[in-house]
Every structure is written in structure tokens, then in C-alpha cells.
Amino acid sequence: MTSPIFISPTGPVQLIGIRFHPGGTTPFFKLPIHELTNQVVELGSFARTLEIKLVSEAAHLPNLNDKVAALQTVLLRMLENSKSDFGLLRVAAKVVESSGMIPINHLAAAAGLSSRQLERRFLAEVGVGPKLLSRILRFQEVFRAVDANKTAWPTIAIDCGYYDQAHLIKDFRQFAHETPAALFAEQNAFTESFTRKRRMSGISNTR
């Protein structure tokens, strides 16, 4: 996702989310991932076999933890049988580990690829190019800075890899359609479950 998505709950709902690391969908999805960027689509429309396996193993189980365990079993079994080399997964991990602050030319050189080749690989296997992924990661760092009780926006901007506060605000307008001050003023428990609380990994912003 490179722009906000608006969710309006209409009642109680139970969700299970499967979040992949950048480049981690290769063993499971057989299409260029950029075709799904900013799309909300049915899993069965592009990975019918995977949908059938997930549903058949987990849908009948009454307990949420059992459902999660069953889904993990399906995915791990597919992963073990995969012939993917995970080369780009390791490259993307470096971007994540640096919070989007590694120079792209250094990344391409370390991977033995030209910048154009790296861009094509990222689009196909991650869904966005390395520069845009880096910007998203820096944007996410702002939420961690706020969690750490940092309050001065100029300081937050520099600490999160922005040139200045104006640079930070520009990314917020693109990714959140809000200024930082306006977005954080509007936070509520539902929104925070997607942006701030109990992250499960360096890339994750959802519980």
C-alpha cells in the first residue's frame, strides 16, 4: 500500500492477517506483485490453490489460535517445497534493517545488479521499487519515534532520515493524506491497531 485505505467497521468482526516480508510472497504468488499494489482483491482471483488450502485447513476450526496454527502449517509446507532462491528477500531485508536509510546504489552494487535491474526485481517481487520502499519505511519510523515519546517534529524528521520537517510533511501528505499533527490528533484505538501497537516485525505496522 502506498496510500491510505479507509476502513469503517459496521459491527464485530474477526480477522486473521498474513503479512509477508518484502519479497516473501515469491513461493506463494505466481504473478508480478506490482499488479496488486494498492489493490484490494480476492485471494482466489490470483492464487486459487492457496486459497483452497488455507480455507480447507482452517475454516472449520472453532478456536482462533488453532486457525492461525493451521494457516502457518500450510504456508510452511509450501515454503519447504518451494524452489525460490530468496535472493531479493535478503536484499529487501537490508532496506528494512536500515529503516530505509541505505543508499540504493550501495544496495544494487552489493546485489550485483544495476539500479534498473534492481528496480525491476523489486517491482516484480516486492510490489514497489527500492526507493519507494525506503520512503515507506522512513514514514513508519515516525510512528516509532512518537511511541518513544519524541515530540519535537524537527528532531523526529532528522532522526527518521528526512532532510527536514517539510520533507517529512510531504511524505505524510502522500502516504496518509494528512499532516503529522493532524493524523496523530485523530488517532483512536481502532486506527492505532493498524499503525502503532505491538508491531510483529521491523516492517509490520499491524498487530
Protein backbone atom coordinates (compact mmCIF):
# COMPACT_ATOMS: atom_id res chain seq x y z
CA MET A 1 0.00 0.00 0.00
CA THR A 2 1.33 3.43 -0.90
CA SER A 3 -1.73 5.43 0.12
CA PRO A 4 -4.26 5.24 2.96
CA ILE A 5 -7.17 2.84 2.98
CA PHE A 6 -10.31 3.80 4.90
CA ILE A 7 -11.98 1.05 6.93
CA SER A 8 -15.40 1.56 8.56
CA PRO A 9 -16.37 -1.27 10.93
CA THR A 10 -20.11 -1.99 10.97
CA GLY A 11 -20.05 -4.48 13.82
CA PRO A 12 -17.97 -7.19 15.50
CA VAL A 13 -15.55 -8.88 13.13
CA GLN A 14 -12.78 -11.46 13.48
CA LEU A 15 -9.78 -11.07 11.21
CA ILE A 16 -6.66 -13.12 10.59
CA GLY A 17 -3.93 -11.31 8.69
CA ILE A 18 -0.98 -12.91 6.93
CA ARG A 19 1.82 -10.41 6.46
CA PHE A 20 4.81 -11.20 4.26
CA HIS A 21 8.19 -9.56 4.46
CA PRO A 22 9.07 -7.58 1.29
CA GLY A 23 9.92 -10.17 -1.35
CA GLY A 24 8.50 -13.01 0.75
CA THR A 25 5.47 -13.76 -1.43
CA THR A 26 7.51 -15.36 -4.23
CA PRO A 27 6.89 -19.00 -3.15
CA PHE A 28 3.14 -18.42 -2.88
CA PHE A 29 2.07 -15.99 -5.64
CA LYS A 30 2.98 -16.58 -9.26
CA LEU A 31 2.36 -13.10 -10.64
CA PRO A 32 4.32 -9.82 -10.56
CA ILE A 33 3.42 -8.33 -7.20
CA HIS A 34 3.23 -4.78 -8.56
CA GLU A 35 -0.04 -5.86 -10.21
CA LEU A 36 -1.52 -5.99 -6.69
CA THR A 37 -0.02 -2.75 -5.37
CA ASN A 38 -2.78 -0.52 -3.93
CA GLN A 39 -5.38 -3.13 -4.85
CA VAL A 40 -7.85 -4.91 -2.59
CA VAL A 41 -8.62 -8.18 -4.36
CA GLU A 42 -9.94 -11.64 -3.56
CA LEU A 43 -7.13 -14.13 -2.92
CA GLY A 44 -8.82 -16.68 -5.14
CA SER A 45 -8.65 -14.36 -8.15
CA PHE A 46 -4.88 -14.82 -8.42
CA ALA A 47 -3.95 -17.68 -6.04
CA ARG A 48 -6.91 -20.06 -6.08
CA THR A 49 -4.93 -23.11 -4.99
CA LEU A 50 -3.52 -21.28 -1.98
CA GLU A 51 -6.99 -20.04 -1.02
CA ILE A 52 -8.42 -23.56 -1.14
CA LYS A 53 -5.61 -24.93 1.01
CA LEU A 54 -5.93 -22.17 3.62
CA VAL A 55 -9.71 -22.40 3.84
CA SER A 56 -9.85 -26.19 3.95
CA GLU A 57 -7.30 -26.37 6.76
CA ALA A 58 -8.53 -23.53 8.97
CA ALA A 59 -12.14 -22.56 8.29
CA HIS A 60 -13.71 -25.41 10.28
CA LEU A 61 -11.61 -24.85 13.42
CA PRO A 62 -13.52 -23.05 16.22
CA ASN A 63 -10.50 -21.63 18.08
CA LEU A 64 -8.60 -18.64 16.69
CA ASN A 65 -5.20 -19.95 17.82
CA ASP A 66 -5.89 -23.27 16.11
CA LYS A 67 -6.81 -21.42 12.91
CA VAL A 68 -3.54 -19.48 13.00
CA ALA A 69 -1.54 -22.65 13.62
CA ALA A 70 -3.26 -24.38 10.69
CA LEU A 71 -2.52 -21.47 8.35
CA GLN A 72 1.12 -21.49 9.43
CA THR A 73 1.35 -25.20 8.72
CA VAL A 74 0.02 -24.73 5.17
CA LEU A 75 2.42 -21.89 4.42
CA LEU A 76 5.45 -23.62 5.91
CA ARG A 77 4.71 -26.77 3.91
CA MET A 78 4.56 -24.73 0.72
CA LEU A 79 7.75 -22.94 1.69
CA GLU A 80 9.60 -26.21 2.19
CA ASN A 81 8.56 -27.37 -1.27
CA SER A 82 9.48 -24.08 -2.93
CA LYS A 83 12.44 -23.72 -5.27
CA SER A 84 12.68 -19.94 -4.80
CA ASP A 85 16.19 -18.63 -4.17
CA PHE A 86 15.01 -15.77 -1.91
CA GLY A 87 17.80 -13.57 -3.26
CA LEU A 88 15.67 -10.46 -3.35
CA LEU A 89 14.19 -11.23 0.07
CA ARG A 90 17.68 -10.85 1.53
CA VAL A 91 18.27 -7.63 -0.40
CA ALA A 92 14.95 -6.17 0.75
CA ALA A 93 15.78 -7.19 4.32
CA LYS A 94 18.77 -4.85 4.20
CA VAL A 95 16.43 -1.98 3.32
CA VAL A 96 14.18 -2.92 6.24
CA GLU A 97 17.08 -3.29 8.67
CA SER A 98 18.35 0.17 7.75
CA SER A 99 14.83 1.66 8.13
CA GLY A 100 15.07 2.83 4.54
CA MET A 101 18.34 4.69 5.01
CA ILE A 102 20.68 2.53 2.89
CA PRO A 103 21.69 4.21 -0.41
CA ILE A 104 20.09 2.43 -3.35
CA ASN A 105 23.33 2.42 -5.38
CA HIS A 106 25.08 0.62 -2.50
CA LEU A 107 22.22 -1.88 -2.39
CA ALA A 108 22.42 -2.56 -6.12
CA ALA A 109 26.21 -2.95 -6.03
CA ALA A 110 26.03 -5.42 -3.14
CA ALA A 111 23.43 -7.45 -5.04
CA GLY A 112 25.49 -7.44 -8.24
CA LEU A 113 22.71 -5.67 -10.15
CA SER A 114 22.35 -2.38 -11.97
CA SER A 115 19.94 0.14 -10.47
CA ARG A 116 17.49 -0.57 -13.30
CA GLN A 117 17.68 -4.34 -12.75
CA LEU A 118 17.15 -3.84 -9.02
CA GLU A 119 14.10 -1.67 -9.71
CA ARG A 120 12.57 -4.35 -11.97
CA ARG A 121 13.19 -7.11 -9.43
CA PHE A 122 11.67 -5.06 -6.63
CA LEU A 123 8.56 -4.24 -8.66
CA ALA A 124 8.04 -7.90 -9.54
CA GLU A 125 8.77 -9.39 -6.11
CA VAL A 126 8.04 -6.60 -3.61
CA GLY A 127 5.44 -4.53 -5.45
CA VAL A 128 7.23 -1.17 -5.21
CA GLY A 129 10.71 -0.01 -6.16
CA PRO A 130 13.51 0.19 -3.58
CA LYS A 131 13.30 3.99 -3.32
CA LEU A 132 9.59 3.94 -2.59
CA LEU A 133 10.01 1.09 -0.09
CA SER A 134 12.69 3.17 1.65
CA ARG A 135 10.33 6.14 1.86
CA ILE A 136 7.57 3.97 3.36
CA LEU A 137 9.97 2.60 5.95
CA ARG A 138 11.11 6.09 6.94
CA PHE A 139 7.46 7.09 7.22
CA GLN A 140 6.86 4.14 9.57
CA GLU A 141 9.83 5.19 11.67
CA VAL A 142 7.92 8.34 12.61
CA PHE A 143 5.32 6.23 14.42
CA ARG A 144 8.07 4.52 16.41
CA ALA A 145 9.55 7.90 17.29
CA VAL A 146 6.17 9.07 18.57
CA ASP A 147 5.83 5.82 20.54
CA ALA A 148 9.18 6.69 22.15
CA ASN A 149 7.64 9.98 23.32
CA LYS A 150 9.65 12.18 20.99
CA THR A 151 7.61 15.35 20.48
CA ALA A 152 9.71 17.85 18.50
CA TRP A 153 8.89 17.36 14.82
CA PRO A 154 12.18 18.80 13.51
CA THR A 155 14.08 16.30 15.67
CA ILE A 156 11.80 13.43 14.65
CA ALA A 157 12.31 14.32 10.99
CA ILE A 158 16.12 14.20 11.21
CA ASP A 159 16.16 11.04 13.37
CA CYS A 160 13.91 9.24 10.86
CA GLY A 161 16.07 10.06 7.85
CA TYR A 162 14.32 13.15 6.50
CA TYR A 163 16.19 16.22 5.30
CA ASP A 164 13.92 18.49 7.31
CA GLN A 165 10.39 18.82 8.67
CA ALA A 166 9.00 19.91 5.28
CA HIS A 167 10.32 16.67 3.73
CA LEU A 168 8.54 14.65 6.44
CA ILE A 169 5.26 16.54 5.92
CA LYS A 170 5.44 15.88 2.16
CA ASP A 171 5.58 12.12 2.75
CA PHE A 172 2.73 12.28 5.27
CA ARG A 173 0.57 14.08 2.74
CA GLN A 174 1.28 11.33 0.20
CA PHE A 175 1.03 8.26 2.42
CA ALA A 176 -1.59 9.42 4.94
CA HIS A 177 -3.26 12.35 3.16
CA GLU A 178 -2.75 14.25 6.42
CA THR A 179 -0.08 16.33 8.11
CA PRO A 180 1.63 14.54 11.03
CA ALA A 181 -0.03 16.80 13.61
CA ALA A 182 -3.50 16.25 12.13
CA LEU A 183 -3.06 12.48 11.82
CA PHE A 184 -1.88 11.94 15.37
CA ALA A 185 -4.59 14.24 16.74
CA GLU A 186 -7.19 11.96 15.13
CA GLN A 187 -5.77 8.65 16.40
CA ASN A 188 -8.20 6.29 18.08
CA ALA A 189 -7.99 2.72 19.32
CA PHE A 190 -9.13 1.23 16.01
CA THR A 191 -6.69 3.27 13.94
CA GLU A 192 -3.81 2.58 16.30
CA SER A 193 -4.27 -1.16 15.92
CA PHE A 194 -3.09 -0.65 12.32
CA THR A 195 -0.40 1.95 12.88
CA ARG A 196 1.28 1.85 16.25
CA LYS A 197 0.63 -1.02 18.63
CA ARG A 198 2.61 -4.23 19.17
CA ARG A 199 4.40 -4.49 15.86
CA MET A 200 5.33 -8.05 14.98
CA SER A 201 8.38 -7.26 12.86
CA GLY A 202 10.57 -4.46 11.59
CA ILE A 203 8.28 -3.94 8.60
CA SER A 204 4.95 -4.51 10.25
CA ASN A 205 2.57 -1.79 11.34
CA THR A 206 -0.33 -4.08 12.21
CA ARG A 207 -0.99 -6.46 15.03
